[in-house]
Protein backbone atom coordinates (compact mmCIF):
# COMPACT_ATOMS: atom_id res chain seq x y z
CA MET A 1 160.71 67.37 22.32
CA ASP A 2 164.20 68.25 21.21
CA GLY A 3 166.72 69.22 23.86
CA HIS A 4 169.57 69.75 21.44
CA SER A 5 170.01 71.26 18.03
CA HIS A 6 171.10 68.80 15.38
CA SER A 7 170.23 67.39 11.98
CA CYS A 8 168.98 63.84 11.97
CA GLY A 9 171.17 62.78 9.10
CA ASP A 10 172.45 59.47 10.39
CA GLU A 11 171.18 57.66 7.29
CA SER A 12 173.65 59.68 5.23
CA HIS A 13 176.34 57.19 6.21
CA GLY A 14 174.83 54.42 4.10
CA HIS A 15 177.99 54.14 2.01
CA HIS A 16 180.03 53.00 5.01
CA ASP A 17 180.56 49.41 5.99
CA HIS A 18 178.41 48.29 8.88
CA ASP A 19 180.17 45.63 10.90
CA HIS A 20 178.77 43.25 13.46
CA PRO A 21 180.26 42.38 16.86
CA GLU A 22 182.17 39.23 17.52
CA ALA A 23 180.73 36.84 20.05
CA THR A 24 182.04 37.74 23.48
CA SER A 25 183.97 34.98 25.20
CA ASP A 26 186.16 35.12 28.27
CA LEU A 27 187.89 38.39 27.40
CA GLY A 28 191.14 38.78 29.24
CA PRO A 29 191.77 42.10 31.02
CA GLU A 30 195.43 42.31 30.05
CA ASP A 31 194.77 44.83 27.27
CA ASN A 32 191.72 46.47 28.82
CA LEU A 33 192.17 50.24 28.61
CA TYR A 34 189.87 51.25 31.48
CA SER A 35 192.75 52.67 33.54
CA ARG A 36 193.87 54.70 30.50
CA VAL A 37 190.60 56.61 30.09
CA ASN A 38 190.75 60.23 31.22
CA ILE A 39 187.41 59.78 32.93
CA SER A 40 187.15 63.26 34.48
CA ASN A 41 187.29 64.86 31.01
CA CYS A 42 184.72 62.64 29.31
CA ALA A 43 181.63 64.41 27.97
CA VAL A 44 178.13 62.97 27.57
CA LEU A 45 175.74 64.91 25.33
CA ASN A 46 171.94 64.54 25.57
CA ALA A 47 171.84 62.32 28.64
CA THR A 48 169.36 62.72 31.48
CA ASP A 49 170.70 64.79 34.35
CA ASP A 50 170.97 61.80 36.68
CA THR A 51 172.84 59.61 34.16
CA ALA A 52 175.11 62.15 32.42
CA ASP A 53 178.25 61.04 34.31
CA ALA A 54 180.43 58.90 32.02
CA ARG A 55 181.25 56.71 35.03
CA ASN A 56 177.74 55.27 34.73
CA ALA A 57 178.94 53.30 31.70
CA ILE A 58 182.75 53.43 31.71
CA LYS A 59 183.31 50.96 34.52
CA PRO A 60 185.99 48.55 35.74
CA TRP A 61 186.08 45.17 34.01
CA ASN A 62 184.52 43.38 36.98
CA LEU A 63 181.42 45.64 36.73
CA ARG A 64 180.87 45.12 33.01
CA ASN A 65 177.60 43.24 33.56
CA ASP A 66 176.29 45.60 36.24
CA GLU A 67 172.93 47.20 35.40
CA GLN A 68 172.53 49.38 38.48
CA LYS A 69 173.93 52.36 36.60
CA ALA A 70 173.63 53.37 32.95
CA ILE A 71 173.69 56.37 30.62
CA GLN A 72 170.24 57.14 29.22
CA SER A 73 169.40 59.58 26.45
CA ASP A 74 167.15 62.50 27.35
CA ALA A 75 165.43 64.61 24.68
CA ASP A 76 165.34 61.82 22.10
CA ASP A 77 167.10 58.57 21.25
CA GLN A 78 170.51 60.02 20.36
CA LEU A 79 173.71 60.17 22.39
CA ILE A 80 177.23 61.45 21.89
CA ILE A 81 179.96 60.35 24.30
CA ARG A 82 183.45 61.85 24.02
CA ILE A 83 186.16 59.75 25.65
CA PRO A 84 189.76 61.01 25.92
CA PHE A 85 192.68 58.78 26.86
CA THR A 86 195.67 59.75 28.98
CA GLY A 87 198.06 58.82 26.18
CA SER A 88 198.16 57.29 22.72
CA VAL A 89 196.11 54.16 22.07
CA LYS A 90 196.18 51.53 19.34
CA LEU A 91 192.60 50.36 19.59
CA ARG A 92 191.74 46.71 19.01
CA ALA A 93 188.08 46.56 20.05
CA LEU A 94 185.14 48.44 21.52
CA LEU A 95 183.13 46.72 24.25
CA LEU A 96 179.45 47.57 24.68
CA LYS A 97 176.56 46.47 26.85
CA THR A 98 173.41 48.36 25.89
CA GLY A 99 169.81 48.71 26.97
CA SER A 100 167.39 45.85 26.67
CA GLY A 101 164.99 45.36 23.77
CA ASP A 102 164.05 48.46 21.80
CA GLN A 103 166.22 50.66 24.05
CA THR A 104 169.22 49.15 22.25
CA PRO A 105 170.93 51.59 19.85
CA SER A 106 170.49 50.78 16.18
CA LYS A 107 174.19 51.32 15.60
CA VAL A 108 177.26 53.07 16.96
CA SER A 109 179.57 55.31 14.95
CA LEU A 110 183.17 55.70 16.11
CA PHE A 111 185.14 58.88 15.41
CA ALA A 112 188.85 58.79 16.17
CA ASN A 113 190.44 62.05 17.38
CA ALA A 114 187.29 64.14 16.88
CA GLU A 115 187.34 65.67 20.34
CA SER A 116 184.88 68.53 19.72
CA LEU A 117 182.22 66.62 17.76
CA ASP A 118 178.64 67.53 18.70
CA PHE A 119 175.12 67.27 17.30
CA ASP A 120 175.56 70.35 15.11
CA ASP A 121 178.23 68.74 12.93
CA VAL A 122 178.08 64.98 13.43
CA ALA A 123 175.86 64.43 10.36
CA ASP A 124 178.47 66.12 8.16
CA GLN A 125 181.39 64.02 9.43
CA THR A 126 182.51 60.63 8.18
CA PRO A 127 182.78 58.02 10.95
CA THR A 128 186.05 56.16 11.27
CA GLN A 129 183.96 52.99 11.57
CA ASP A 130 180.30 52.02 12.08
CA PHE A 131 178.85 48.99 13.82
CA VAL A 132 175.32 47.60 13.88
CA VAL A 133 174.32 46.90 17.50
CA PRO A 134 172.29 43.71 18.03
CA GLN A 135 169.87 43.28 20.90
CA GLY A 136 171.18 41.16 23.75
CA ARG A 137 172.05 41.08 27.44
CA GLU A 138 175.75 40.30 27.06
CA VAL A 139 178.77 42.52 26.50
CA GLY A 140 179.51 42.69 22.77
CA GLU A 141 183.07 42.94 21.44
CA TYR A 142 183.34 45.07 18.29
CA ALA A 143 186.70 44.49 16.58
CA VAL A 144 187.83 47.71 14.90
CA LYS A 145 190.06 48.13 11.86
CA THR A 146 193.25 48.73 13.80
CA ALA A 147 194.95 50.59 10.94
CA LYS A 148 192.34 53.34 11.37
CA PHE A 149 192.77 53.46 15.15
CA SER A 150 196.55 53.16 15.48
CA ASN A 151 197.27 56.53 17.13
CA VAL A 152 194.17 57.56 19.05
CA SER A 153 194.09 60.18 21.79
CA ASN A 154 190.29 60.30 22.05
CA ILE A 155 187.26 58.42 20.77
CA THR A 156 183.80 59.87 20.20
CA LEU A 157 180.85 57.48 20.12
CA PHE A 158 177.67 58.55 18.34
CA PHE A 159 174.46 56.57 18.85
CA PRO A 160 172.03 57.94 16.23
CA SER A 161 168.82 56.11 17.16
CA SER A 162 167.20 53.37 19.19
CA GLN A 163 165.52 50.23 17.92
CA GLY A 164 162.07 51.63 18.61
CA ALA A 165 162.08 53.24 22.07
CA GLU A 166 162.09 56.96 22.81
CA GLU A 167 165.46 56.62 24.54
CA ILE A 168 168.53 54.42 24.55
CA GLN A 169 170.52 53.00 27.45
CA ILE A 170 174.24 52.26 27.64
CA TYR A 171 175.30 50.05 30.57
CA TYR A 172 178.95 49.47 29.76
CA ILE A 173 181.64 50.94 27.51
CA GLY A 174 185.11 49.45 27.39
CA PHE A 175 188.13 49.38 25.11
CA LEU A 176 190.82 46.83 24.30
CA GLY A 177 194.17 47.77 22.81
CA GLN A 178 197.72 48.91 23.34
CA TYR A 179 198.67 52.04 25.26
CA SER A 180 201.73 54.27 25.06
CA GLU A 181 202.61 57.49 26.83
CA ARG A 182 201.74 60.67 24.97
CA LYS A 183 204.83 62.04 23.27
CA THR A 184 203.69 65.66 23.25
CA ASN A 185 202.41 67.97 25.92
CA PRO A 186 198.65 67.34 26.25
CA VAL A 187 198.10 71.08 26.70
CA VAL A 188 198.81 71.52 22.98
CA THR A 189 195.70 69.53 22.13
CA VAL A 190 193.55 71.79 24.28
CA TYR A 191 194.74 74.95 22.58
CA GLU A 192 194.58 73.57 19.06
CA THR A 193 190.79 73.50 19.25
CA GLN A 194 190.86 77.29 19.51
CA ALA A 195 193.68 78.02 17.08
CA ASN A 196 193.06 79.45 13.64
CA ILE A 197 194.81 78.34 10.44
CA ALA A 198 197.47 81.03 10.75
CA ASP A 199 198.29 79.81 14.25
CA HIS A 200 198.69 76.27 12.97
CA ASP A 201 201.08 77.40 10.23
CA LYS A 202 203.25 79.23 12.73
CA ILE A 203 203.26 76.37 15.23
CA GLN A 204 204.22 73.80 12.61
CA GLY A 205 206.91 75.97 11.01
CA THR A 206 208.77 77.41 13.98
CA ASP A 207 210.85 74.33 14.91
CA GLY A 208 211.55 75.93 18.25
CA GLY A 209 212.55 79.30 16.77
CA MET A 210 210.71 82.58 17.01
CA SER A 211 211.86 84.19 13.77
CA ASN A 212 208.61 83.50 11.95
CA MET A 213 206.34 84.75 14.72
CA GLN A 214 204.52 87.99 14.08
CA PHE A 215 203.47 90.34 16.84
């Protein structure tokens, strides 16, 4: 059954580099961005009703190995998780602990600053970076290309398929990097998603004046 409308075009990204995670050692929490995630505004698409809260996977560092809670896909083996930050982030790495065996995602695609991405358009978008996800019980550290994630206000994670199961499970999502306060009013971001091209031209060209505004 299909609980969401989308095109299963994840193989269309074959021209992108697929990276593998680094072995996880004793990762220090000094650049862990958990406290910088705007958790109340996260969105989880195609999760079961009882696991759709992002807090089931975005947990404090000391709960990274906890398997009591997880996000599990519902209608099929795809998930989209939108994760906004409270400011600007220079991302260094993604941390993931995923479901066991064939409930492990085949890969994860990261989209920087694609806050409205959903299943209707994800196949037509180019990921900022892709990673192959290996099976395992440990937290994997996926080092990103920092030049592509140097000014990030939100990250969208797309898991296109499992490694054989009808669903996937995500136990832990974390981020490592540098944080800085947002320099602009966050309300602007909210309204930009609804603005048309003409609105953007006016906003960018006013420089605080109203002479170019049309009523």
